[in-house]
């Protein structure tokens, strides 16, 4: 069974979507990955845009939580300048997702009680 699953995995390299990766860090907070689009021969593909991805960790009571976000930039200097706002946006998005999960959990807990209340027959109604 495990052999069948591994045979169905597709490990084909997408030659039209290759990137050369370079990493920059301040050894404190910031890590920025620059993904430069390349052709299958390794030459720079000037028809696609370079992508910058910021990465950092925030400390939580359960340990470090990795966060990352795409940084809208054309050059490394611009990515460095925009790194803080990209990380703040990623943290805000993460907080929103956590809040939504909490609300879903609360509604799941409350919903069964509502079903129980609907079974109660009150005389005079």
C-alpha atoms as a PDB file:
ATOM      1  CA  UNK A   1       0.000   0.000   0.000  1.00  0.00           C
ATOM      2  CA  UNK A   2       2.765   2.469   0.902  1.00  0.00           C
ATOM      3  CA  UNK A   3       4.548   1.540  -2.316  1.00  0.00           C
ATOM      4  CA  UNK A   4       1.432   2.439  -4.343  1.00  0.00           C
ATOM      5  CA  UNK A   5       1.264   5.866  -2.679  1.00  0.00           C
ATOM      6  CA  UNK A   6       4.908   6.678  -3.404  1.00  0.00           C
ATOM      7  CA  UNK A   7       4.540   5.604  -7.034  1.00  0.00           C
ATOM      8  CA  UNK A   8       1.621   8.024  -7.499  1.00  0.00           C
ATOM      9  CA  UNK A   9       3.637  11.047  -6.283  1.00  0.00           C
ATOM     10  CA  UNK A  10       4.768  13.378  -9.057  1.00  0.00           C
ATOM     11  CA  UNK A  11       8.364  14.579  -8.611  1.00  0.00           C
ATOM     12  CA  UNK A  12       8.597  16.224 -12.029  1.00  0.00           C
ATOM     13  CA  UNK A  13      10.437  19.562 -11.924  1.00  0.00           C
ATOM     14  CA  UNK A  14       8.417  22.469 -13.346  1.00  0.00           C
ATOM     15  CA  UNK A  15      11.025  23.888 -15.742  1.00  0.00           C
ATOM     16  CA  UNK A  16       8.847  26.957 -16.395  1.00  0.00           C
ATOM     17  CA  UNK A  17       8.809  27.959 -12.699  1.00  0.00           C
ATOM     18  CA  UNK A  18      12.441  27.832 -11.561  1.00  0.00           C
ATOM     19  CA  UNK A  19      13.966  30.339  -9.134  1.00  0.00           C
ATOM     20  CA  UNK A  20      17.466  30.978  -7.835  1.00  0.00           C
ATOM     21  CA  UNK A  21      17.287  31.538  -4.082  1.00  0.00           C
ATOM     22  CA  UNK A  22      19.518  33.890  -2.092  1.00  0.00           C
ATOM     23  CA  UNK A  23      19.120  34.508   1.626  1.00  0.00           C
ATOM     24  CA  UNK A  24      19.938  37.659   3.604  1.00  0.00           C
ATOM     25  CA  UNK A  25      19.813  37.949   7.396  1.00  0.00           C
ATOM     26  CA  UNK A  26      20.750  40.364  10.165  1.00  0.00           C
ATOM     27  CA  UNK A  27      21.265  37.384  12.537  1.00  0.00           C
ATOM     28  CA  UNK A  28      18.734  38.958  14.916  1.00  0.00           C
ATOM     29  CA  UNK A  29      15.207  39.332  13.608  1.00  0.00           C
ATOM     30  CA  UNK A  30      15.134  39.500   9.841  1.00  0.00           C
ATOM     31  CA  UNK A  31      15.561  36.887   7.178  1.00  0.00           C
ATOM     32  CA  UNK A  32      14.794  37.843   3.598  1.00  0.00           C
ATOM     33  CA  UNK A  33      14.793  35.373   0.737  1.00  0.00           C
ATOM     34  CA  UNK A  34      15.247  36.704  -2.779  1.00  0.00           C
ATOM     35  CA  UNK A  35      13.853  34.390  -5.432  1.00  0.00           C
ATOM     36  CA  UNK A  36      15.202  35.337  -8.849  1.00  0.00           C
ATOM     37  CA  UNK A  37      13.368  33.704 -11.770  1.00  0.00           C
ATOM     38  CA  UNK A  38      15.624  31.632 -14.005  1.00  0.00           C
ATOM     39  CA  UNK A  39      15.301  29.574 -17.174  1.00  0.00           C
ATOM     40  CA  UNK A  40      16.079  25.868 -17.169  1.00  0.00           C
ATOM     41  CA  UNK A  41      19.644  26.678 -18.329  1.00  0.00           C
ATOM     42  CA  UNK A  42      20.188  28.845 -15.230  1.00  0.00           C
ATOM     43  CA  UNK A  43      20.036  32.200 -17.026  1.00  0.00           C
ATOM     44  CA  UNK A  44      17.918  34.976 -15.499  1.00  0.00           C
ATOM     45  CA  UNK A  45      14.342  34.996 -16.844  1.00  0.00           C
ATOM     46  CA  UNK A  46      13.609  38.693 -17.361  1.00  0.00           C
ATOM     47  CA  UNK A  47       9.963  38.027 -18.237  1.00  0.00           C
ATOM     48  CA  UNK A  48       9.102  37.238 -14.593  1.00  0.00           C
ATOM     49  CA  UNK A  49       9.475  39.304 -11.428  1.00  0.00           C
ATOM     50  CA  UNK A  50      11.877  38.681  -8.568  1.00  0.00           C
ATOM     51  CA  UNK A  51      10.057  37.664  -5.380  1.00  0.00           C
ATOM     52  CA  UNK A  52      11.115  38.687  -1.862  1.00  0.00           C
ATOM     53  CA  UNK A  53       9.886  36.722   1.152  1.00  0.00           C
ATOM     54  CA  UNK A  54      10.422  37.941   4.696  1.00  0.00           C
ATOM     55  CA  UNK A  55      10.705  35.470   7.565  1.00  0.00           C
ATOM     56  CA  UNK A  56      10.964  35.908  11.319  1.00  0.00           C
ATOM     57  CA  UNK A  57       9.844  34.327  14.590  1.00  0.00           C
ATOM     58  CA  UNK A  58       7.687  35.677  17.368  1.00  0.00           C
ATOM     59  CA  UNK A  59       7.978  34.271  20.856  1.00  0.00           C
ATOM     60  CA  UNK A  60       4.856  32.728  22.364  1.00  0.00           C
ATOM     61  CA  UNK A  61       4.287  30.881  25.652  1.00  0.00           C
ATOM     62  CA  UNK A  62       4.638  27.667  23.618  1.00  0.00           C
ATOM     63  CA  UNK A  63       7.919  28.697  21.998  1.00  0.00           C
ATOM     64  CA  UNK A  64       8.881  30.475  18.774  1.00  0.00           C
ATOM     65  CA  UNK A  65       6.235  30.829  16.080  1.00  0.00           C
ATOM     66  CA  UNK A  66       7.585  31.261  12.542  1.00  0.00           C
ATOM     67  CA  UNK A  67       5.951  33.912  10.389  1.00  0.00           C
ATOM     68  CA  UNK A  68       6.557  34.784   6.775  1.00  0.00           C
ATOM     69  CA  UNK A  69       5.142  37.100   4.156  1.00  0.00           C
ATOM     70  CA  UNK A  70       5.771  38.184   0.602  1.00  0.00           C
ATOM     71  CA  UNK A  71       7.382  41.623   0.537  1.00  0.00           C
ATOM     72  CA  UNK A  72       6.278  43.856  -2.317  1.00  0.00           C
ATOM     73  CA  UNK A  73       9.662  45.075  -3.548  1.00  0.00           C
ATOM     74  CA  UNK A  74      11.780  45.249  -6.691  1.00  0.00           C
ATOM     75  CA  UNK A  75      15.177  45.476  -4.995  1.00  0.00           C
ATOM     76  CA  UNK A  76      16.780  44.214  -1.796  1.00  0.00           C
ATOM     77  CA  UNK A  77      17.014  47.711  -0.268  1.00  0.00           C
ATOM     78  CA  UNK A  78      13.291  48.184  -0.815  1.00  0.00           C
ATOM     79  CA  UNK A  79      12.601  44.749   0.720  1.00  0.00           C
ATOM     80  CA  UNK A  80      14.659  45.645   3.800  1.00  0.00           C
ATOM     81  CA  UNK A  81      12.729  48.890   4.204  1.00  0.00           C
ATOM     82  CA  UNK A  82       9.344  47.156   3.815  1.00  0.00           C
ATOM     83  CA  UNK A  83      10.236  44.134   5.983  1.00  0.00           C
ATOM     84  CA  UNK A  84       8.726  45.538   9.239  1.00  0.00           C
ATOM     85  CA  UNK A  85       5.352  46.359   7.679  1.00  0.00           C
ATOM     86  CA  UNK A  86       5.195  42.960   5.942  1.00  0.00           C
ATOM     87  CA  UNK A  87       5.849  41.177   9.259  1.00  0.00           C
ATOM     88  CA  UNK A  88       3.265  43.343  11.072  1.00  0.00           C
ATOM     89  CA  UNK A  89       0.698  42.456   8.389  1.00  0.00           C
ATOM     90  CA  UNK A  90       1.559  38.754   8.735  1.00  0.00           C
ATOM     91  CA  UNK A  91       1.135  38.907  12.516  1.00  0.00           C
ATOM     92  CA  UNK A  92      -2.195  40.735  12.130  1.00  0.00           C
ATOM     93  CA  UNK A  93      -3.400  38.112   9.646  1.00  0.00           C
ATOM     94  CA  UNK A  94      -2.312  35.345  12.008  1.00  0.00           C
ATOM     95  CA  UNK A  95      -4.177  37.012  14.903  1.00  0.00           C
ATOM     96  CA  UNK A  96      -7.329  37.247  12.751  1.00  0.00           C
ATOM     97  CA  UNK A  97      -7.085  33.556  11.873  1.00  0.00           C
ATOM     98  CA  UNK A  98      -6.657  32.621  15.540  1.00  0.00           C
ATOM     99  CA  UNK A  99      -9.697  34.740  16.452  1.00  0.00           C
ATOM    100  CA  UNK A 100     -11.790  33.033  13.744  1.00  0.00           C
ATOM    101  CA  UNK A 101     -10.708  29.604  14.999  1.00  0.00           C
ATOM    102  CA  UNK A 102     -11.686  30.559  18.561  1.00  0.00           C
ATOM    103  CA  UNK A 103     -15.084  31.741  17.365  1.00  0.00           C
ATOM    104  CA  UNK A 104     -15.608  28.495  15.463  1.00  0.00           C
ATOM    105  CA  UNK A 105     -14.692  26.474  18.546  1.00  0.00           C
ATOM    106  CA  UNK A 106     -17.043  28.525  20.726  1.00  0.00           C
ATOM    107  CA  UNK A 107     -19.915  28.157  18.269  1.00  0.00           C
ATOM    108  CA  UNK A 108     -19.293  24.401  18.131  1.00  0.00           C
ATOM    109  CA  UNK A 109     -19.502  24.221  21.900  1.00  0.00           C
ATOM    110  CA  UNK A 110     -22.655  26.356  22.032  1.00  0.00           C
ATOM    111  CA  UNK A 111     -24.451  24.714  19.104  1.00  0.00           C
ATOM    112  CA  UNK A 112     -25.126  21.344  20.802  1.00  0.00           C
ATOM    113  CA  UNK A 113     -26.726  23.141  23.777  1.00  0.00           C
ATOM    114  CA  UNK A 114     -29.060  24.992  21.433  1.00  0.00           C
ATOM    115  CA  UNK A 115     -30.153  21.684  19.958  1.00  0.00           C
ATOM    116  CA  UNK A 116     -30.873  20.402  23.444  1.00  0.00           C
ATOM    117  CA  UNK A 117     -32.909  23.536  24.238  1.00  0.00           C
ATOM    118  CA  UNK A 118     -35.005  23.030  21.140  1.00  0.00           C
ATOM    119  CA  UNK A 119     -36.157  19.632  22.474  1.00  0.00           C
ATOM    120  CA  UNK A 120     -37.656  21.111  25.633  1.00  0.00           C
ATOM    121  CA  UNK A 121     -41.426  21.306  25.526  1.00  0.00           C
ATOM    122  CA  UNK A 122     -42.764  24.236  27.484  1.00  0.00           C
ATOM    123  CA  UNK A 123     -46.435  24.001  28.490  1.00  0.00           C
ATOM    124  CA  UNK A 124     -48.568  26.821  27.210  1.00  0.00           C
ATOM    125  CA  UNK A 125     -46.606  27.455  24.051  1.00  0.00           C
END
